[in-house]
């Protein structure tokens, strides 16, 4: 599937990743692109399977300094709809930040201070024109609003929301451990949320990966989508 720039402005960074974040084993490279829309609005595409030749050359001209991948800072003007790469065989990771807006659903936002843009995530559909919006919305599996999902499920005093293993360093612990090992550190955290297509999958997967975890995952009956 062809991947195109979402707005007219600048491409700021090109990154590659050549290890499996679950196993740490080498794999075919995938790519991330970081864009600015204004001084306070940014977005990225991740898990891209190939770049256009004019973008790939920037990585080729700057050999990787780390075995797990490479990252190059650039400042390249792009046009809305400009072809930047392709994706196939996996989903696209796509996020938009607006630093004039702050999520209100994190009970302890300081847990995410090592990834501070996370608390400024906004819906990619907020400022999208009708044509691409109407093309993309039917492809979403979720039917309950917000159809694009959300990340801040915390409610003070309730089980729902994001949890970190005590002593893990919260979200910063994820970043440091992943940088050191090249592997994702999913077992340092757990998120409990509602109104998913399959609400039991995350807990069931966590239990399957490490049977010695100090909790049991049960197969739950998903709540019907609205």
Foldseek 3Di string as FASTA:
>chain_A
DWDWDAAWAWWWKKKKFQAEQAPLHGHQIWIKIKAAPDPFKIKMKTRFRFFDPVVVVQDVVPDAPDPGMHMDTDTGTDHHGHTTGHHDDDDMDMWMFGNVDFAPQAPCLVLCPVVNSLRRTDDPPPPHDDPVVVVCQVVQPADAPVSSDHQRFDDPPDPAAKDFAPPCSRVVSQVVVCVVRVHGDVLRMDGQDARDPQRQVRQVVSCVVPVPPPDDGDRDDHDDGD
